[in-house]
Amino acid sequence: MRRSKIEMYVDILTVLTNRGPLNLTHVSYQANVNCSILKERLDFLIKQGLVEEGAVRKQRVVYGVTQRGMTVLKSFKELKQVLPMVEEEEA
């Protein structure tokens, strides 16, 4: 079954929250998102202020979740608990 954009955003935010700052390849593996699609999703999340881009030793680009990103992720999880029947109906 295909994931929606929202589900991908939530998966990316979850990975970055749980694993800390990661490079593009590691985010791709952990969130199970193709690298080219991941770049688009990360650009959107960065523009929304949910993810930030940083550098390690001025060579490697890493991505980390912002405080706002953690707040949004928490809200999505709370919404999922309140509306569990949505997933059951789709299955």
N, C-alpha and C. Protein backbone atom coordinates (compact mmCIF):
# COMPACT_ATOMS: atom_id res chain seq x y z
N MET A 1 0.83 -1.18 0.00
CA MET A 1 0.00 0.00 0.00
C MET A 1 0.89 1.26 0.00
N ARG A 2 0.51 2.22 -0.79
CA ARG A 2 1.27 3.45 -0.94
C ARG A 2 1.01 4.42 0.21
N ARG A 3 2.06 5.09 0.65
CA ARG A 3 1.92 6.07 1.73
C ARG A 3 1.57 7.44 1.16
N SER A 4 0.81 8.19 1.90
CA SER A 4 0.50 9.56 1.51
C SER A 4 1.70 10.45 1.85
N LYS A 5 1.67 11.68 1.34
CA LYS A 5 2.72 12.64 1.67
C LYS A 5 2.77 12.88 3.18
N ILE A 6 1.60 13.00 3.79
CA ILE A 6 1.55 13.24 5.24
C ILE A 6 2.22 12.10 5.98
N GLU A 7 1.94 10.87 5.59
CA GLU A 7 2.56 9.71 6.25
C GLU A 7 4.07 9.73 6.07
N MET A 8 4.54 10.14 4.90
CA MET A 8 5.99 10.24 4.68
C MET A 8 6.60 11.32 5.56
N TYR A 9 5.91 12.47 5.64
CA TYR A 9 6.41 13.55 6.50
C TYR A 9 6.51 13.08 7.94
N VAL A 10 5.48 12.38 8.41
CA VAL A 10 5.48 11.87 9.79
C VAL A 10 6.61 10.86 9.97
N ASP A 11 6.82 9.97 9.01
CA ASP A 11 7.90 8.99 9.10
C ASP A 11 9.27 9.67 9.16
N ILE A 12 9.46 10.67 8.33
CA ILE A 12 10.73 11.40 8.31
C ILE A 12 10.96 12.11 9.65
N LEU A 13 9.94 12.80 10.14
CA LEU A 13 10.07 13.48 11.43
C LEU A 13 10.32 12.49 12.57
N THR A 14 9.67 11.33 12.51
CA THR A 14 9.88 10.30 13.54
C THR A 14 11.31 9.81 13.53
N VAL A 15 11.84 9.53 12.35
CA VAL A 15 13.23 9.05 12.24
C VAL A 15 14.19 10.09 12.78
N LEU A 16 13.99 11.34 12.38
CA LEU A 16 14.91 12.39 12.84
C LEU A 16 14.79 12.64 14.34
N THR A 17 13.60 12.48 14.89
CA THR A 17 13.40 12.64 16.33
C THR A 17 14.07 11.51 17.09
N ASN A 18 13.90 10.29 16.62
CA ASN A 18 14.42 9.12 17.33
C ASN A 18 15.91 8.88 17.13
N ARG A 19 16.43 9.21 15.97
CA ARG A 19 17.82 8.89 15.64
C ARG A 19 18.78 10.07 15.68
N GLY A 20 18.24 11.28 15.84
CA GLY A 20 19.11 12.45 15.86
C GLY A 20 19.47 12.90 14.46
N PRO A 21 20.33 13.88 14.32
CA PRO A 21 20.71 14.37 13.00
C PRO A 21 21.32 13.25 12.15
N LEU A 22 20.84 13.14 10.90
CA LEU A 22 21.30 12.10 9.99
C LEU A 22 21.55 12.68 8.61
N ASN A 23 22.42 12.02 7.85
CA ASN A 23 22.61 12.44 6.47
C ASN A 23 21.49 11.89 5.60
N LEU A 24 21.44 12.33 4.36
CA LEU A 24 20.35 12.00 3.46
C LEU A 24 20.18 10.49 3.29
N THR A 25 21.28 9.78 3.12
CA THR A 25 21.22 8.34 2.91
C THR A 25 20.62 7.62 4.10
N HIS A 26 21.03 7.99 5.30
CA HIS A 26 20.51 7.33 6.49
C HIS A 26 19.02 7.64 6.71
N VAL A 27 18.62 8.87 6.43
CA VAL A 27 17.20 9.20 6.54
C VAL A 27 16.41 8.37 5.53
N SER A 28 16.95 8.25 4.32
CA SER A 28 16.29 7.47 3.27
C SER A 28 16.08 6.02 3.69
N TYR A 29 17.11 5.40 4.23
CA TYR A 29 17.00 4.00 4.68
C TYR A 29 16.02 3.86 5.84
N GLN A 30 16.16 4.72 6.84
CA GLN A 30 15.35 4.60 8.05
C GLN A 30 13.88 4.89 7.80
N ALA A 31 13.58 5.87 6.93
CA ALA A 31 12.20 6.25 6.66
C ALA A 31 11.62 5.49 5.46
N ASN A 32 12.47 4.71 4.79
CA ASN A 32 12.05 3.93 3.63
C ASN A 32 11.45 4.84 2.54
N VAL A 33 12.23 5.86 2.16
CA VAL A 33 11.81 6.81 1.14
C VAL A 33 12.95 6.94 0.12
N ASN A 34 12.61 6.88 -1.15
CA ASN A 34 13.56 7.05 -2.25
C ASN A 34 14.27 8.40 -2.09
N CYS A 35 15.56 8.45 -2.39
CA CYS A 35 16.37 9.67 -2.16
C CYS A 35 15.84 10.88 -2.92
N SER A 36 15.43 10.72 -4.16
CA SER A 36 14.95 11.88 -4.92
C SER A 36 13.64 12.42 -4.32
N ILE A 37 12.76 11.54 -3.90
CA ILE A 37 11.51 11.96 -3.26
C ILE A 37 11.82 12.55 -1.89
N LEU A 38 12.77 11.94 -1.19
CA LEU A 38 13.15 12.43 0.14
C LEU A 38 13.64 13.87 0.08
N LYS A 39 14.43 14.21 -0.93
CA LYS A 39 14.92 15.58 -1.07
C LYS A 39 13.76 16.56 -1.17
N GLU A 40 12.72 16.20 -1.95
CA GLU A 40 11.54 17.07 -2.07
C GLU A 40 10.83 17.21 -0.73
N ARG A 41 10.66 16.09 -0.04
CA ARG A 41 9.97 16.11 1.24
C ARG A 41 10.75 16.92 2.28
N LEU A 42 12.08 16.75 2.29
CA LEU A 42 12.91 17.50 3.23
C LEU A 42 12.88 18.99 2.92
N ASP A 43 12.89 19.35 1.63
CA ASP A 43 12.80 20.78 1.27
C ASP A 43 11.52 21.39 1.81
N PHE A 44 10.41 20.66 1.68
CA PHE A 44 9.13 21.15 2.21
C PHE A 44 9.21 21.31 3.72
N LEU A 45 9.74 20.29 4.41
CA LEU A 45 9.83 20.33 5.88
C LEU A 45 10.74 21.46 6.35
N ILE A 46 11.80 21.72 5.60
CA ILE A 46 12.72 22.82 5.95
C ILE A 46 12.00 24.16 5.78
N LYS A 47 11.27 24.32 4.67
CA LYS A 47 10.54 25.57 4.44
C LYS A 47 9.48 25.82 5.51
N GLN A 48 8.93 24.75 6.06
CA GLN A 48 7.92 24.88 7.11
C GLN A 48 8.54 25.07 8.49
N GLY A 49 9.86 24.98 8.58
CA GLY A 49 10.54 25.16 9.86
C GLY A 49 10.47 23.94 10.76
N LEU A 50 10.22 22.77 10.16
CA LEU A 50 10.11 21.53 10.95
C LEU A 50 11.42 20.75 10.99
N VAL A 51 12.26 20.97 10.00
CA VAL A 51 13.56 20.31 9.90
C VAL A 51 14.59 21.38 9.58
N GLU A 52 15.80 21.17 10.08
CA GLU A 52 16.88 22.09 9.75
C GLU A 52 18.06 21.33 9.17
N GLU A 53 18.78 22.03 8.32
CA GLU A 53 19.94 21.44 7.66
C GLU A 53 21.18 21.95 8.38
N GLY A 54 22.12 21.06 8.61
CA GLY A 54 23.34 21.45 9.28
C GLY A 54 24.53 20.77 8.64
N ALA A 55 25.70 21.04 9.14
CA ALA A 55 26.91 20.43 8.60
C ALA A 55 27.75 19.87 9.73
N VAL A 56 28.37 18.75 9.44
CA VAL A 56 29.29 18.12 10.38
C VAL A 56 30.68 18.26 9.77
N ARG A 57 31.56 18.90 10.49
CA ARG A 57 32.93 19.14 10.03
C ARG A 57 32.98 19.80 8.64
N LYS A 58 32.00 20.65 8.36
CA LYS A 58 31.91 21.44 7.12
C LYS A 58 31.90 20.60 5.85
N GLN A 59 31.72 19.31 5.96
CA GLN A 59 31.74 18.46 4.77
C GLN A 59 30.43 17.73 4.56
N ARG A 60 29.89 17.20 5.62
CA ARG A 60 28.70 16.35 5.52
C ARG A 60 27.45 17.12 5.92
N VAL A 61 26.45 17.07 5.07
CA VAL A 61 25.18 17.72 5.38
C VAL A 61 24.31 16.74 6.16
N VAL A 62 23.77 17.20 7.27
CA VAL A 62 22.88 16.38 8.08
C VAL A 62 21.57 17.14 8.31
N TYR A 63 20.53 16.38 8.61
CA TYR A 63 19.21 16.94 8.85
C TYR A 63 18.77 16.59 10.26
N GLY A 64 18.19 17.57 10.92
CA GLY A 64 17.69 17.37 12.28
C GLY A 64 16.32 18.00 12.43
N VAL A 65 15.55 17.45 13.34
CA VAL A 65 14.21 17.99 13.59
C VAL A 65 14.30 19.20 14.51
N THR A 66 13.47 20.20 14.25
CA THR A 66 13.43 21.40 15.10
C THR A 66 12.43 21.18 16.23
N GLN A 67 12.41 22.11 17.15
CA GLN A 67 11.42 22.05 18.24
C GLN A 67 10.01 22.09 17.66
N ARG A 68 9.82 22.94 16.66
CA ARG A 68 8.50 23.02 16.01
C ARG A 68 8.14 21.69 15.35
N GLY A 69 9.14 21.03 14.76
CA GLY A 69 8.91 19.72 14.15
C GLY A 69 8.48 18.69 15.17
N MET A 70 9.09 18.73 16.35
CA MET A 70 8.70 17.79 17.41
C MET A 70 7.27 18.06 17.88
N THR A 71 6.90 19.33 17.94
CA THR A 71 5.53 19.70 18.34
C THR A 71 4.52 19.19 17.31
N VAL A 72 4.82 19.38 16.04
CA VAL A 72 3.93 18.91 14.98
C VAL A 72 3.82 17.39 15.01
N LEU A 73 4.94 16.70 15.19
CA LEU A 73 4.92 15.24 15.26
C LEU A 73 4.07 14.76 16.43
N LYS A 74 4.21 15.41 17.57
CA LYS A 74 3.40 15.06 18.74
C LYS A 74 1.92 15.24 18.43
N SER A 75 1.58 16.32 17.74
CA SER A 75 0.17 16.57 17.37
C SER A 75 -0.36 15.48 16.43
N PHE A 76 0.45 15.05 15.47
CA PHE A 76 0.03 13.97 14.57
C PHE A 76 -0.21 12.68 15.34
N LYS A 77 0.66 12.38 16.29
CA LYS A 77 0.50 11.15 17.08
C LYS A 77 -0.76 11.22 17.93
N GLU A 78 -1.04 12.39 18.51
CA GLU A 78 -2.25 12.55 19.31
C GLU A 78 -3.49 12.41 18.43
N LEU A 79 -3.45 12.96 17.24
CA LEU A 79 -4.57 12.86 16.31
C LEU A 79 -4.80 11.40 15.91
N LYS A 80 -3.73 10.69 15.71
CA LYS A 80 -3.84 9.26 15.34
C LYS A 80 -4.50 8.46 16.46
N GLN A 81 -4.22 8.81 17.71
CA GLN A 81 -4.85 8.12 18.84
C GLN A 81 -6.33 8.45 18.94
N VAL A 82 -6.68 9.69 18.63
CA VAL A 82 -8.07 10.12 18.72
C VAL A 82 -8.89 9.53 17.58
N LEU A 83 -8.27 9.34 16.43
CA LEU A 83 -8.99 8.85 15.24
C LEU A 83 -8.46 7.52 14.73
N PRO A 84 -8.39 6.50 15.57
CA PRO A 84 -7.84 5.22 15.11
C PRO A 84 -8.72 4.54 14.07
N MET A 85 -9.99 4.88 14.03
CA MET A 85 -10.91 4.22 13.11
C MET A 85 -10.61 4.57 11.66
N VAL A 86 -9.90 5.63 11.38
CA VAL A 86 -9.58 6.00 10.00
C VAL A 86 -8.74 4.91 9.34
N GLU A 87 -7.74 4.41 10.03
CA GLU A 87 -6.90 3.35 9.49
C GLU A 87 -7.67 2.04 9.33
N GLU A 88 -8.54 1.75 10.26
CA GLU A 88 -9.31 0.51 10.20
C GLU A 88 -10.25 0.50 9.01
N GLU A 89 -10.86 1.64 8.68
CA GLU A 89 -11.78 1.73 7.57
C GLU A 89 -11.08 1.57 6.25
N GLU A 90 -9.84 2.04 6.15
CA GLU A 90 -9.09 1.95 4.89
C GLU A 90 -8.62 0.54 4.61
N ALA A 91 -8.38 -0.25 5.64
CA ALA A 91 -7.83 -1.59 5.48
C ALA A 91 -8.78 -2.56 4.84
